[in-house]
Amino acid sequence: MLSKIPANKLKWLAVILIALYPLAIVAARLDVMHFRNSFLIFIICALIGFVVLVLSIFKLSKAQEGESASLLIAIVLTAIPLGLLGSNIVKARTLPFIHDITTDIQNPPQFIAAATDRSADDHSVEYEGNVIAQLQVTGYPNLTTLELNQPVDKVVSQAQAVVQAMGWEVLASNTEQSPFTIEAVDESLLFGFKDDVVIRIESFTTPEQNVDVPAKTRVDVRSMSRVGKSDLGANAARIESFLDNLKNRF
């Protein structure tokens, strides 16, 4: 049976399949099709690619003269996307199946501007409470409020600089009264998925703190995907990156 399948056809089928992945991404970014249809194309390409990969491997073991090069190309072109997709599946299984992350699960920062910027098909900005809070604590136990021994006005200024440096689009900011807030949007590299971010900054004092000692500043961040059930850790990584960048400025 394998002898009846030309190696050259397996190669060109692999070429077509690997070309469909970026085309599906571009189509979704240009709104030619819904991103879910692009994901469906990914799944179909992966299934066909797996068949091509298996056939090419078996055929390579009994390759005739002139077939090896075509079969090796088919194997490489099908194995690369399958490996990438497989790594994402493994990643999704090891991370919490959530898309809303915050450093303060008791009193998460609220989205105001994002609520009006989202479409009817996007997730609600309402925090789902204990259900996702417990999943977050299990998956990201070290994601907590950042406390800085810095004046609040300086922290606000540096937070704005970090937002700009990270390339986020600012939707709204409140720098007039406490708690100070910055709302922004970040886009994913491939599909351009939009995730909303809100940063809350406020000064505080501890009971044992001397009245002559300047108040500390507390920074909380919330990052939430507009679509999708799982964020593959993107929101937590975004918050950690922002807090690390902000902390390194002092």
C-alpha atoms as a PDB file:
ATOM      1  CA  MET A   1       0.000   0.000   0.000  1.00  0.00           C
ATOM      2  CA  LEU A   2       2.789   2.443   0.895  1.00  0.00           C
ATOM      3  CA  SER A   3       4.424   1.838  -2.460  1.00  0.00           C
ATOM      4  CA  LYS A   4       1.321   3.217  -4.178  1.00  0.00           C
ATOM      5  CA  ILE A   5       1.642   6.590  -2.413  1.00  0.00           C
ATOM      6  CA  PRO A   6       4.175   8.804  -4.238  1.00  0.00           C
ATOM      7  CA  ALA A   7       6.701  10.452  -1.897  1.00  0.00           C
ATOM      8  CA  ASN A   8       6.425  13.642  -3.926  1.00  0.00           C
ATOM      9  CA  LYS A   9       2.691  13.869  -3.206  1.00  0.00           C
ATOM     10  CA  LEU A  10       3.306  13.486   0.525  1.00  0.00           C
ATOM     11  CA  LYS A  11       5.851  16.302   0.329  1.00  0.00           C
ATOM     12  CA  TRP A  12       3.515  18.699  -1.465  1.00  0.00           C
ATOM     13  CA  LEU A  13       0.631  17.828   0.840  1.00  0.00           C
ATOM     14  CA  ALA A  14       2.898  18.705   3.781  1.00  0.00           C
ATOM     15  CA  VAL A  15       3.794  22.011   2.090  1.00  0.00           C
ATOM     16  CA  ILE A  16       0.115  22.874   1.608  1.00  0.00           C
ATOM     17  CA  LEU A  17      -0.719  21.972   5.202  1.00  0.00           C
ATOM     18  CA  ILE A  18       2.039  24.090   6.746  1.00  0.00           C
ATOM     19  CA  ALA A  19       1.003  27.027   4.530  1.00  0.00           C
ATOM     20  CA  LEU A  20      -2.582  26.821   5.792  1.00  0.00           C
ATOM     21  CA  TYR A  21      -1.581  27.602   9.403  1.00  0.00           C
ATOM     22  CA  PRO A  22      -0.345  31.185   8.772  1.00  0.00           C
ATOM     23  CA  LEU A  23      -3.132  31.759   6.239  1.00  0.00           C
ATOM     24  CA  ALA A  24      -5.697  30.867   8.901  1.00  0.00           C
ATOM     25  CA  ILE A  25      -4.049  33.305  11.321  1.00  0.00           C
ATOM     26  CA  VAL A  26      -4.003  36.122   8.754  1.00  0.00           C
ATOM     27  CA  ALA A  27      -7.652  35.461   7.858  1.00  0.00           C
ATOM     28  CA  ALA A  28      -8.644  35.742  11.514  1.00  0.00           C
ATOM     29  CA  ARG A  29      -6.627  38.932  12.058  1.00  0.00           C
ATOM     30  CA  LEU A  30      -8.213  40.526   8.974  1.00  0.00           C
ATOM     31  CA  ASP A  31     -11.681  39.424  10.166  1.00  0.00           C
ATOM     32  CA  VAL A  32     -12.147  37.352   7.029  1.00  0.00           C
ATOM     33  CA  MET A  33     -13.212  34.498   9.312  1.00  0.00           C
ATOM     34  CA  HIS A  34     -13.909  34.004  13.006  1.00  0.00           C
ATOM     35  CA  PHE A  35     -10.922  32.851  15.036  1.00  0.00           C
ATOM     36  CA  ARG A  36     -12.821  29.677  15.962  1.00  0.00           C
ATOM     37  CA  ASN A  37     -12.891  28.740  12.273  1.00  0.00           C
ATOM     38  CA  SER A  38      -9.135  29.289  12.173  1.00  0.00           C
ATOM     39  CA  PHE A  39      -8.789  26.930  15.135  1.00  0.00           C
ATOM     40  CA  LEU A  40     -10.895  24.389  13.240  1.00  0.00           C
ATOM     41  CA  ILE A  41      -8.504  24.659  10.295  1.00  0.00           C
ATOM     42  CA  PHE A  42      -5.632  24.067  12.740  1.00  0.00           C
ATOM     43  CA  ILE A  43      -7.282  20.880  13.997  1.00  0.00           C
ATOM     44  CA  ILE A  44      -8.004  19.560  10.487  1.00  0.00           C
ATOM     45  CA  CYS A  45      -4.459  20.352   9.335  1.00  0.00           C
ATOM     46  CA  ALA A  46      -3.033  18.670  12.428  1.00  0.00           C
ATOM     47  CA  LEU A  47      -5.049  15.491  11.847  1.00  0.00           C
ATOM     48  CA  ILE A  48      -4.106  15.265   8.177  1.00  0.00           C
ATOM     49  CA  GLY A  49      -0.534  16.226   9.034  1.00  0.00           C
ATOM     50  CA  PHE A  50      -0.305  13.400  11.548  1.00  0.00           C
ATOM     51  CA  VAL A  51      -1.364  10.914   8.881  1.00  0.00           C
ATOM     52  CA  VAL A  52       1.181  12.345   6.438  1.00  0.00           C
ATOM     53  CA  LEU A  53       3.887  12.171   9.111  1.00  0.00           C
ATOM     54  CA  VAL A  54       3.193   8.530   9.940  1.00  0.00           C
ATOM     55  CA  LEU A  55       3.032   7.500   6.283  1.00  0.00           C
ATOM     56  CA  SER A  56       6.251   9.359   5.519  1.00  0.00           C
ATOM     57  CA  ILE A  57       8.112   7.740   8.414  1.00  0.00           C
ATOM     58  CA  PHE A  58       7.029   4.230   7.433  1.00  0.00           C
ATOM     59  CA  LYS A  59       7.689   4.871   3.764  1.00  0.00           C
ATOM     60  CA  LEU A  60      11.152   6.278   4.569  1.00  0.00           C
ATOM     61  CA  SER A  61      12.173   2.946   6.074  1.00  0.00           C
ATOM     62  CA  LYS A  62      11.574   1.343   2.662  1.00  0.00           C
ATOM     63  CA  ALA A  63      12.309   4.337   0.483  1.00  0.00           C
ATOM     64  CA  GLN A  64      13.301   3.777  -3.096  1.00  0.00           C
ATOM     65  CA  GLU A  65      15.982   5.770  -4.860  1.00  0.00           C
ATOM     66  CA  GLY A  66      15.138   9.472  -5.054  1.00  0.00           C
ATOM     67  CA  GLU A  67      12.334   9.339  -2.471  1.00  0.00           C
ATOM     68  CA  SER A  68      14.254  10.070   0.725  1.00  0.00           C
ATOM     69  CA  ALA A  69      14.572  13.826   0.229  1.00  0.00           C
ATOM     70  CA  SER A  70      10.829  14.304  -0.385  1.00  0.00           C
ATOM     71  CA  LEU A  71       9.926  12.129   2.591  1.00  0.00           C
ATOM     72  CA  LEU A  72      12.310  13.981   4.914  1.00  0.00           C
ATOM     73  CA  ILE A  73      10.773  17.291   3.849  1.00  0.00           C
ATOM     74  CA  ALA A  74       7.283  15.902   4.520  1.00  0.00           C
ATOM     75  CA  ILE A  75       8.358  14.663   7.954  1.00  0.00           C
ATOM     76  CA  VAL A  76       9.909  17.995   8.978  1.00  0.00           C
ATOM     77  CA  LEU A  77       7.025  20.136   7.669  1.00  0.00           C
ATOM     78  CA  THR A  78       4.402  18.060   9.482  1.00  0.00           C
ATOM     79  CA  ALA A  79       6.361  17.482  12.693  1.00  0.00           C
ATOM     80  CA  ILE A  80       7.045  21.184  13.395  1.00  0.00           C
ATOM     81  CA  PRO A  81       3.394  22.364  13.654  1.00  0.00           C
ATOM     82  CA  LEU A  82       2.371  19.151  15.427  1.00  0.00           C
ATOM     83  CA  GLY A  83       5.103  19.742  17.988  1.00  0.00           C
ATOM     84  CA  LEU A  84       4.011  23.342  18.558  1.00  0.00           C
ATOM     85  CA  LEU A  85       0.353  22.405  18.883  1.00  0.00           C
ATOM     86  CA  GLY A  86       1.225  19.527  21.176  1.00  0.00           C
ATOM     87  CA  SER A  87       3.266  21.767  23.472  1.00  0.00           C
ATOM     88  CA  ASN A  88       0.327  24.165  23.793  1.00  0.00           C
ATOM     89  CA  ILE A  89      -2.018  21.302  24.636  1.00  0.00           C
ATOM     90  CA  VAL A  90       0.368  20.091  27.345  1.00  0.00           C
ATOM     91  CA  LYS A  91       0.697  23.664  28.623  1.00  0.00           C
ATOM     92  CA  ALA A  92      -3.084  24.081  28.773  1.00  0.00           C
ATOM     93  CA  ARG A  93      -3.425  20.896  30.821  1.00  0.00           C
ATOM     94  CA  THR A  94      -0.873  22.069  33.404  1.00  0.00           C
ATOM     95  CA  LEU A  95      -2.320  25.576  33.909  1.00  0.00           C
ATOM     96  CA  PRO A  96      -5.608  26.737  35.474  1.00  0.00           C
ATOM     97  CA  PHE A  97      -8.467  26.801  32.959  1.00  0.00           C
ATOM     98  CA  ILE A  98      -9.228  30.484  33.536  1.00  0.00           C
ATOM     99  CA  HIS A  99      -8.883  33.798  31.697  1.00  0.00           C
ATOM    100  CA  ASP A 100      -9.202  36.376  34.506  1.00  0.00           C
ATOM    101  CA  ILE A 101      -6.213  36.909  36.828  1.00  0.00           C
ATOM    102  CA  THR A 102      -5.713  39.424  39.629  1.00  0.00           C
ATOM    103  CA  THR A 103      -3.269  40.104  42.445  1.00  0.00           C
ATOM    104  CA  ASP A 104      -6.203  40.797  44.780  1.00  0.00           C
ATOM    105  CA  ILE A 105      -8.774  38.007  44.699  1.00  0.00           C
ATOM    106  CA  GLN A 106     -10.706  39.468  47.643  1.00  0.00           C
ATOM    107  CA  ASN A 107     -11.226  42.916  46.129  1.00  0.00           C
ATOM    108  CA  PRO A 108     -10.082  42.791  42.494  1.00  0.00           C
ATOM    109  CA  PRO A 109      -9.578  46.053  40.575  1.00  0.00           C
ATOM    110  CA  GLN A 110     -12.658  46.877  38.530  1.00  0.00           C
ATOM    111  CA  PHE A 111     -12.842  47.444  34.781  1.00  0.00           C
ATOM    112  CA  ILE A 112     -14.726  50.615  33.851  1.00  0.00           C
ATOM    113  CA  ALA A 113     -13.493  51.718  30.427  1.00  0.00           C
ATOM    114  CA  ALA A 114     -13.051  48.103  29.280  1.00  0.00           C
ATOM    115  CA  ALA A 115     -16.713  47.380  29.963  1.00  0.00           C
ATOM    116  CA  THR A 116     -17.753  49.854  27.257  1.00  0.00           C
ATOM    117  CA  ASP A 117     -14.920  48.938  24.896  1.00  0.00           C
ATOM    118  CA  ARG A 118     -15.892  45.254  24.740  1.00  0.00           C
ATOM    119  CA  SER A 119     -18.365  43.836  22.231  1.00  0.00           C
ATOM    120  CA  ALA A 120     -21.461  41.801  23.015  1.00  0.00           C
ATOM    121  CA  ASP A 121     -19.589  38.585  22.144  1.00  0.00           C
ATOM    122  CA  ASP A 122     -16.779  39.294  24.614  1.00  0.00           C
ATOM    123  CA  HIS A 123     -16.653  38.075  28.216  1.00  0.00           C
ATOM    124  CA  SER A 124     -18.335  40.155  30.883  1.00  0.00           C
ATOM    125  CA  VAL A 125     -15.921  42.160  33.033  1.00  0.00           C
ATOM    126  CA  GLU A 126     -17.584  40.900  36.220  1.00  0.00           C
ATOM    127  CA  TYR A 127     -15.267  38.891  38.462  1.00  0.00           C
ATOM    128  CA  GLU A 128     -16.544  35.328  38.903  1.00  0.00           C
ATOM    129  CA  GLY A 129     -15.440  35.063  42.521  1.00  0.00           C
ATOM    130  CA  ASN A 130     -14.345  32.020  44.498  1.00  0.00           C
ATOM    131  CA  VAL A 131     -14.516  29.579  41.588  1.00  0.00           C
ATOM    132  CA  ILE A 132     -11.674  31.187  39.643  1.00  0.00           C
ATOM    133  CA  ALA A 133     -10.001  32.585  42.762  1.00  0.00           C
ATOM    134  CA  GLN A 134      -9.265  29.099  44.061  1.00  0.00           C
ATOM    135  CA  LEU A 135      -8.011  27.961  40.665  1.00  0.00           C
ATOM    136  CA  GLN A 136      -5.700  30.971  40.543  1.00  0.00           C
ATOM    137  CA  VAL A 137      -4.318  30.360  44.036  1.00  0.00           C
ATOM    138  CA  THR A 138      -3.542  26.780  43.056  1.00  0.00           C
ATOM    139  CA  GLY A 139      -1.962  27.674  39.734  1.00  0.00           C
ATOM    140  CA  TYR A 140      -0.242  30.946  40.611  1.00  0.00           C
ATOM    141  CA  PRO A 141       0.322  30.995  44.393  1.00  0.00           C
ATOM    142  CA  ASN A 142       3.018  33.696  44.214  1.00  0.00           C
ATOM    143  CA  LEU A 143       0.943  36.235  42.301  1.00  0.00           C
ATOM    144  CA  THR A 144       0.204  38.842  44.986  1.00  0.00           C
ATOM    145  CA  THR A 145      -0.041  42.561  45.630  1.00  0.00           C
ATOM    146  CA  LEU A 146       3.169  44.551  45.161  1.00  0.00           C
ATOM    147  CA  GLU A 147       4.082  46.804  48.087  1.00  0.00           C
ATOM    148  CA  LEU A 148       6.653  49.539  47.568  1.00  0.00           C
ATOM    149  CA  ASN A 149       8.372  51.905  49.988  1.00  0.00           C
ATOM    150  CA  GLN A 150       7.794  54.755  47.565  1.00  0.00           C
ATOM    151  CA  PRO A 151       5.453  57.763  47.447  1.00  0.00           C
ATOM    152  CA  VAL A 152       2.259  57.054  45.554  1.00  0.00           C
ATOM    153  CA  ASP A 153       2.716  59.850  42.994  1.00  0.00           C
ATOM    154  CA  LYS A 154       6.101  58.461  41.983  1.00  0.00           C
ATOM    155  CA  VAL A 155       4.680  54.947  41.622  1.00  0.00           C
ATOM    156  CA  VAL A 156       1.818  56.229  39.459  1.00  0.00           C
ATOM    157  CA  SER A 157       4.279  58.043  37.201  1.00  0.00           C
ATOM    158  CA  GLN A 158       6.498  54.976  36.833  1.00  0.00           C
ATOM    159  CA  ALA A 159       3.498  52.707  36.262  1.00  0.00           C
ATOM    160  CA  GLN A 160       2.441  54.899  33.346  1.00  0.00           C
ATOM    161  CA  ALA A 161       5.967  54.675  31.941  1.00  0.00           C
ATOM    162  CA  VAL A 162       5.955  50.873  32.217  1.00  0.00           C
ATOM    163  CA  VAL A 163       2.591  50.645  30.452  1.00  0.00           C
ATOM    164  CA  GLN A 164       3.969  52.734  27.617  1.00  0.00           C
ATOM    165  CA  ALA A 165       7.189  50.709  27.464  1.00  0.00           C
ATOM    166  CA  MET A 166       5.226  47.466  27.227  1.00  0.00           C
ATOM    167  CA  GLY A 167       3.280  48.802  24.255  1.00  0.00           C
ATOM    168  CA  TRP A 168      -0.180  48.702  25.799  1.00  0.00           C
ATOM    169  CA  GLU A 169      -2.981  50.934  24.543  1.00  0.00           C
ATOM    170  CA  VAL A 170      -4.296  53.106  27.376  1.00  0.00           C
ATOM    171  CA  LEU A 171      -8.095  53.237  27.543  1.00  0.00           C
ATOM    172  CA  ALA A 172      -8.428  55.445  30.603  1.00  0.00           C
ATOM    173  CA  SER A 173      -6.477  56.672  33.605  1.00  0.00           C
ATOM    174  CA  ASN A 174      -7.309  58.303  36.909  1.00  0.00           C
ATOM    175  CA  THR A 175      -4.385  60.217  38.385  1.00  0.00           C
ATOM    176  CA  GLU A 176      -6.442  62.747  40.324  1.00  0.00           C
ATOM    177  CA  GLN A 177      -7.741  60.807  43.307  1.00  0.00           C
ATOM    178  CA  SER A 178      -7.022  57.601  45.173  1.00  0.00           C
ATOM    179  CA  PRO A 179      -7.233  54.801  44.297  1.00  0.00           C
ATOM    180  CA  PHE A 180      -5.360  55.782  41.152  1.00  0.00           C
ATOM    181  CA  THR A 181      -6.078  53.551  38.155  1.00  0.00           C
ATOM    182  CA  ILE A 182      -4.817  52.853  34.655  1.00  0.00           C
ATOM    183  CA  GLU A 183      -6.827  50.794  32.182  1.00  0.00           C
ATOM    184  CA  ALA A 184      -5.095  49.459  29.092  1.00  0.00           C
ATOM    185  CA  VAL A 185      -5.338  46.838  26.346  1.00  0.00           C
ATOM    186  CA  ASP A 186      -2.665  44.397  25.212  1.00  0.00           C
ATOM    187  CA  GLU A 187      -2.839  42.324  22.016  1.00  0.00           C
ATOM    188  CA  SER A 188      -1.500  38.827  21.436  1.00  0.00           C
ATOM    189  CA  LEU A 189       1.169  38.458  18.768  1.00  0.00           C
ATOM    190  CA  LEU A 190      -0.449  35.960  16.398  1.00  0.00           C
ATOM    191  CA  PHE A 191      -4.222  36.312  16.463  1.00  0.00           C
ATOM    192  CA  GLY A 192      -4.337  39.810  17.926  1.00  0.00           C
ATOM    193  CA  PHE A 193      -6.554  38.723  20.818  1.00  0.00           C
ATOM    194  CA  LYS A 194      -7.254  41.682  23.102  1.00  0.00           C
ATOM    195  CA  ASP A 195      -6.716  41.354  26.848  1.00  0.00           C
ATOM    196  CA  ASP A 196      -7.736  44.127  29.226  1.00  0.00           C
ATOM    197  CA  VAL A 197      -5.529  45.270  32.085  1.00  0.00           C
ATOM    198  CA  VAL A 198      -6.421  47.489  35.037  1.00  0.00           C
ATOM    199  CA  ILE A 199      -3.813  48.750  37.504  1.00  0.00           C
ATOM    200  CA  ARG A 200      -4.852  50.079  40.915  1.00  0.00           C
ATOM    201  CA  ILE A 201      -2.412  52.135  42.968  1.00  0.00           C
ATOM    202  CA  GLU A 202      -2.978  53.485  46.472  1.00  0.00           C
ATOM    203  CA  SER A 203      -1.001  54.499  49.531  1.00  0.00           C
ATOM    204  CA  PHE A 204      -1.414  52.719  52.857  1.00  0.00           C
ATOM    205  CA  THR A 205       0.007  52.607  56.357  1.00  0.00           C
ATOM    206  CA  THR A 206       0.470  49.682  58.705  1.00  0.00           C
ATOM    207  CA  PRO A 207      -0.690  49.835  62.362  1.00  0.00           C
ATOM    208  CA  GLU A 208       2.871  49.725  63.669  1.00  0.00           C
ATOM    209  CA  GLN A 209       4.083  52.394  61.241  1.00  0.00           C
ATOM    210  CA  ASN A 210       5.321  55.641  62.802  1.00  0.00           C
ATOM    211  CA  VAL A 211       3.328  58.726  61.802  1.00  0.00           C
ATOM    212  CA  ASP A 212       6.555  60.411  60.734  1.00  0.00           C
ATOM    213  CA  VAL A 213       7.330  57.639  58.250  1.00  0.00           C
ATOM    214  CA  PRO A 214       5.935  58.181  54.725  1.00  0.00           C
ATOM    215  CA  ALA A 215       3.094  55.897  53.677  1.00  0.00           C
ATOM    216  CA  LYS A 216       3.843  52.881  51.503  1.00  0.00           C
ATOM    217  CA  THR A 217       2.241  52.233  48.132  1.00  0.00           C
ATOM    218  CA  ARG A 218       0.225  49.184  47.152  1.00  0.00           C
ATOM    219  CA  VAL A 219      -0.084  48.094  43.503  1.00  0.00           C
ATOM    220  CA  ASP A 220      -2.711  45.615  42.318  1.00  0.00           C
ATOM    221  CA  VAL A 221      -3.190  44.440  38.750  1.00  0.00           C
ATOM    222  CA  ARG A 222      -5.926  42.527  36.990  1.00  0.00           C
ATOM    223  CA  SER A 223      -5.608  41.101  33.473  1.00  0.00           C
ATOM    224  CA  MET A 224      -8.527  39.508  31.636  1.00  0.00           C
ATOM    225  CA  SER A 225      -8.976  38.017  28.178  1.00  0.00           C
ATOM    226  CA  ARG A 226     -11.911  39.209  26.100  1.00  0.00           C
ATOM    227  CA  VAL A 227     -12.427  35.818  24.421  1.00  0.00           C
ATOM    228  CA  GLY A 228     -11.531  32.199  25.111  1.00  0.00           C
ATOM    229  CA  LYS A 229     -11.866  30.044  28.202  1.00  0.00           C
ATOM    230  CA  SER A 230      -8.175  29.419  28.873  1.00  0.00           C
ATOM    231  CA  ASP A 231      -5.436  32.031  28.466  1.00  0.00           C
ATOM    232  CA  LEU A 232      -2.521  29.530  28.513  1.00  0.00           C
ATOM    233  CA  GLY A 233      -0.964  31.549  31.317  1.00  0.00           C
ATOM    234  CA  ALA A 234      -0.797  34.785  29.309  1.00  0.00           C
ATOM    235  CA  ASN A 235      -2.580  36.982  31.853  1.00  0.00           C
ATOM    236  CA  ALA A 236      -0.501  35.819  34.802  1.00  0.00           C
ATOM    237  CA  ALA A 237       2.694  36.255  32.781  1.00  0.00           C
ATOM    238  CA  ARG A 238       1.602  39.759  31.791  1.00  0.00           C
ATOM    239  CA  ILE A 239       0.975  40.777  35.392  1.00  0.00           C
ATOM    240  CA  GLU A 240       4.273  39.320  36.566  1.00  0.00           C
ATOM    241  CA  SER A 241       6.126  41.117  33.779  1.00  0.00           C
ATOM    242  CA  PHE A 242       4.493  44.447  34.620  1.00  0.00           C
ATOM    243  CA  LEU A 243       5.199  44.158  38.355  1.00  0.00           C
ATOM    244  CA  ASP A 244       8.805  43.093  37.753  1.00  0.00           C
ATOM    245  CA  ASN A 245       9.350  46.036  35.417  1.00  0.00           C
ATOM    246  CA  LEU A 246       7.774  48.443  37.878  1.00  0.00           C
ATOM    247  CA  LYS A 247       9.759  47.088  40.844  1.00  0.00           C
ATOM    248  CA  ASN A 248      13.021  47.369  38.899  1.00  0.00           C
ATOM    249  CA  ARG A 249      12.458  51.092  38.432  1.00  0.00           C
ATOM    250  CA  PHE A 250      13.060  51.776  42.132  1.00  0.00           C
END
